[in-house]
Amino acid sequence: MIWRFERGDEVVRVETRVDNSSGEYVVEVTWAGRQAETERFLDNAAFRTRILELESQLAGEHWAQVGGPEVLWDGWRGPVTN
């Protein structure tokens, strides 16, 4: 999934996905004017915690989410729960 946040004329792009080859959860953040930062997590709990931290950081820095999330062309392949 891809989310966009704006603050003035700056844009932050946040992508979350599962790397199917390694089984890792991935968060990639591209800050305005900087290269992407990629973080990888082995478990879902750490991944979710990081996303919540990032959401809090963005809100605290006055970034506003623009639109809804964009689903990646190959979809989300997260864990399946019963």
C-alpha atoms as a PDB file:
ATOM      1  CA  MET A   1       0.000   0.000   0.000  1.00  0.00           C
ATOM      2  CA  ILE A   2       1.153   3.522  -0.688  1.00  0.00           C
ATOM      3  CA  TRP A   3       0.133   6.599   1.279  1.00  0.00           C
ATOM      4  CA  ARG A   4       0.945  10.207   0.431  1.00  0.00           C
ATOM      5  CA  PHE A   5       1.315  13.021   2.933  1.00  0.00           C
ATOM      6  CA  GLU A   6       1.716  16.695   2.163  1.00  0.00           C
ATOM      7  CA  ARG A   7       2.905  19.725   4.069  1.00  0.00           C
ATOM      8  CA  GLY A   8       2.890  22.881   1.977  1.00  0.00           C
ATOM      9  CA  ASP A   9       4.541  21.887  -1.294  1.00  0.00           C
ATOM     10  CA  GLU A  10       6.488  18.985   0.258  1.00  0.00           C
ATOM     11  CA  VAL A  11       5.408  15.366  -0.188  1.00  0.00           C
ATOM     12  CA  VAL A  12       6.192  12.210   1.789  1.00  0.00           C
ATOM     13  CA  ARG A  13       5.460   8.800   0.281  1.00  0.00           C
ATOM     14  CA  VAL A  14       5.025   5.807   2.619  1.00  0.00           C
ATOM     15  CA  GLU A  15       4.938   2.308   1.136  1.00  0.00           C
ATOM     16  CA  THR A  16       4.192  -0.838   3.151  1.00  0.00           C
ATOM     17  CA  ARG A  17       4.538  -4.336   1.762  1.00  0.00           C
ATOM     18  CA  VAL A  18       5.691  -7.868   2.408  1.00  0.00           C
ATOM     19  CA  ASP A  19       8.835  -9.074   0.653  1.00  0.00           C
ATOM     20  CA  ASN A  20       7.673 -12.482  -0.482  1.00  0.00           C
ATOM     21  CA  SER A  21      11.197 -13.771  -1.104  1.00  0.00           C
ATOM     22  CA  SER A  22      12.424 -13.039   2.444  1.00  0.00           C
ATOM     23  CA  GLY A  23       9.082 -13.019   4.299  1.00  0.00           C
ATOM     24  CA  GLU A  24       9.962  -9.642   5.819  1.00  0.00           C
ATOM     25  CA  TYR A  25       7.587  -6.742   6.338  1.00  0.00           C
ATOM     26  CA  VAL A  26       8.886  -3.604   4.635  1.00  0.00           C
ATOM     27  CA  VAL A  27       8.278   0.095   5.268  1.00  0.00           C
ATOM     28  CA  GLU A  28       9.777   2.464   2.714  1.00  0.00           C
ATOM     29  CA  VAL A  29       9.550   6.197   3.341  1.00  0.00           C
ATOM     30  CA  THR A  30      10.543   8.773   0.759  1.00  0.00           C
ATOM     31  CA  TRP A  31      10.822  12.161   2.438  1.00  0.00           C
ATOM     32  CA  ALA A  32      10.606  15.363   0.406  1.00  0.00           C
ATOM     33  CA  GLY A  33      13.954  15.963  -1.294  1.00  0.00           C
ATOM     34  CA  ARG A  34      15.665  12.851   0.143  1.00  0.00           C
ATOM     35  CA  GLN A  35      16.292   9.295  -0.934  1.00  0.00           C
ATOM     36  CA  ALA A  36      13.999   6.542   0.276  1.00  0.00           C
ATOM     37  CA  GLU A  37      14.620   4.989   3.690  1.00  0.00           C
ATOM     38  CA  THR A  38      13.801   1.283   3.916  1.00  0.00           C
ATOM     39  CA  GLU A  39      13.148  -0.618   7.137  1.00  0.00           C
ATOM     40  CA  ARG A  40      12.565  -4.382   7.368  1.00  0.00           C
ATOM     41  CA  PHE A  41      10.862  -6.352  10.130  1.00  0.00           C
ATOM     42  CA  LEU A  42      10.694 -10.083  10.796  1.00  0.00           C
ATOM     43  CA  ASP A  43       7.472  -9.980  12.795  1.00  0.00           C
ATOM     44  CA  ASN A  44       4.126  -8.290  12.312  1.00  0.00           C
ATOM     45  CA  ALA A  45       4.053  -6.732  15.791  1.00  0.00           C
ATOM     46  CA  ALA A  46       7.279  -4.771  15.236  1.00  0.00           C
ATOM     47  CA  PHE A  47       6.067  -3.752  11.774  1.00  0.00           C
ATOM     48  CA  ARG A  48       2.746  -2.449  13.163  1.00  0.00           C
ATOM     49  CA  THR A  49       4.515  -0.622  15.989  1.00  0.00           C
ATOM     50  CA  ARG A  50       6.784   1.139  13.489  1.00  0.00           C
ATOM     51  CA  ILE A  51       3.837   2.187  11.322  1.00  0.00           C
ATOM     52  CA  LEU A  52       2.078   3.670  14.383  1.00  0.00           C
ATOM     53  CA  GLU A  53       5.273   5.517  15.353  1.00  0.00           C
ATOM     54  CA  LEU A  54       5.595   6.878  11.831  1.00  0.00           C
ATOM     55  CA  GLU A  55       1.945   8.001  11.771  1.00  0.00           C
ATOM     56  CA  SER A  56       2.485   9.802  15.094  1.00  0.00           C
ATOM     57  CA  GLN A  57       5.670  11.449  13.810  1.00  0.00           C
ATOM     58  CA  LEU A  58       3.961  12.660  10.636  1.00  0.00           C
ATOM     59  CA  ALA A  59       0.997  14.061  12.588  1.00  0.00           C
ATOM     60  CA  GLY A  60       3.333  15.788  15.048  1.00  0.00           C
ATOM     61  CA  GLU A  61       5.216  17.394  12.169  1.00  0.00           C
ATOM     62  CA  HIS A  62       1.917  18.589  10.624  1.00  0.00           C
ATOM     63  CA  TRP A  63       1.904  16.324   7.564  1.00  0.00           C
ATOM     64  CA  ALA A  64      -1.598  15.732   6.162  1.00  0.00           C
ATOM     65  CA  GLN A  65      -2.595  12.493   4.463  1.00  0.00           C
ATOM     66  CA  VAL A  66      -3.779  13.082   0.903  1.00  0.00           C
ATOM     67  CA  GLY A  67      -6.480  10.720  -0.359  1.00  0.00           C
ATOM     68  CA  GLY A  68      -6.717   7.091   0.555  1.00  0.00           C
ATOM     69  CA  PRO A  69      -4.079   4.428   0.188  1.00  0.00           C
ATOM     70  CA  GLU A  70      -3.107   3.202  -3.253  1.00  0.00           C
ATOM     71  CA  VAL A  71      -3.021  -0.585  -3.509  1.00  0.00           C
ATOM     72  CA  LEU A  72       0.133  -1.904  -5.134  1.00  0.00           C
ATOM     73  CA  TRP A  73      -0.452  -3.642  -8.461  1.00  0.00           C
ATOM     74  CA  ASP A  74       0.481  -7.019  -6.998  1.00  0.00           C
ATOM     75  CA  GLY A  75      -1.661  -6.424  -3.905  1.00  0.00           C
ATOM     76  CA  TRP A  76      -0.919  -6.902  -0.245  1.00  0.00           C
ATOM     77  CA  ARG A  77       0.423 -10.304   0.635  1.00  0.00           C
ATOM     78  CA  GLY A  78       0.419 -10.002   4.368  1.00  0.00           C
ATOM     79  CA  PRO A  79      -0.087 -12.821   6.828  1.00  0.00           C
ATOM     80  CA  VAL A  80      -3.241 -14.833   6.618  1.00  0.00           C
ATOM     81  CA  THR A  81      -5.113 -15.281   9.898  1.00  0.00           C
ATOM     82  CA  ASN A  82      -7.891 -17.747  10.589  1.00  0.00           C
END
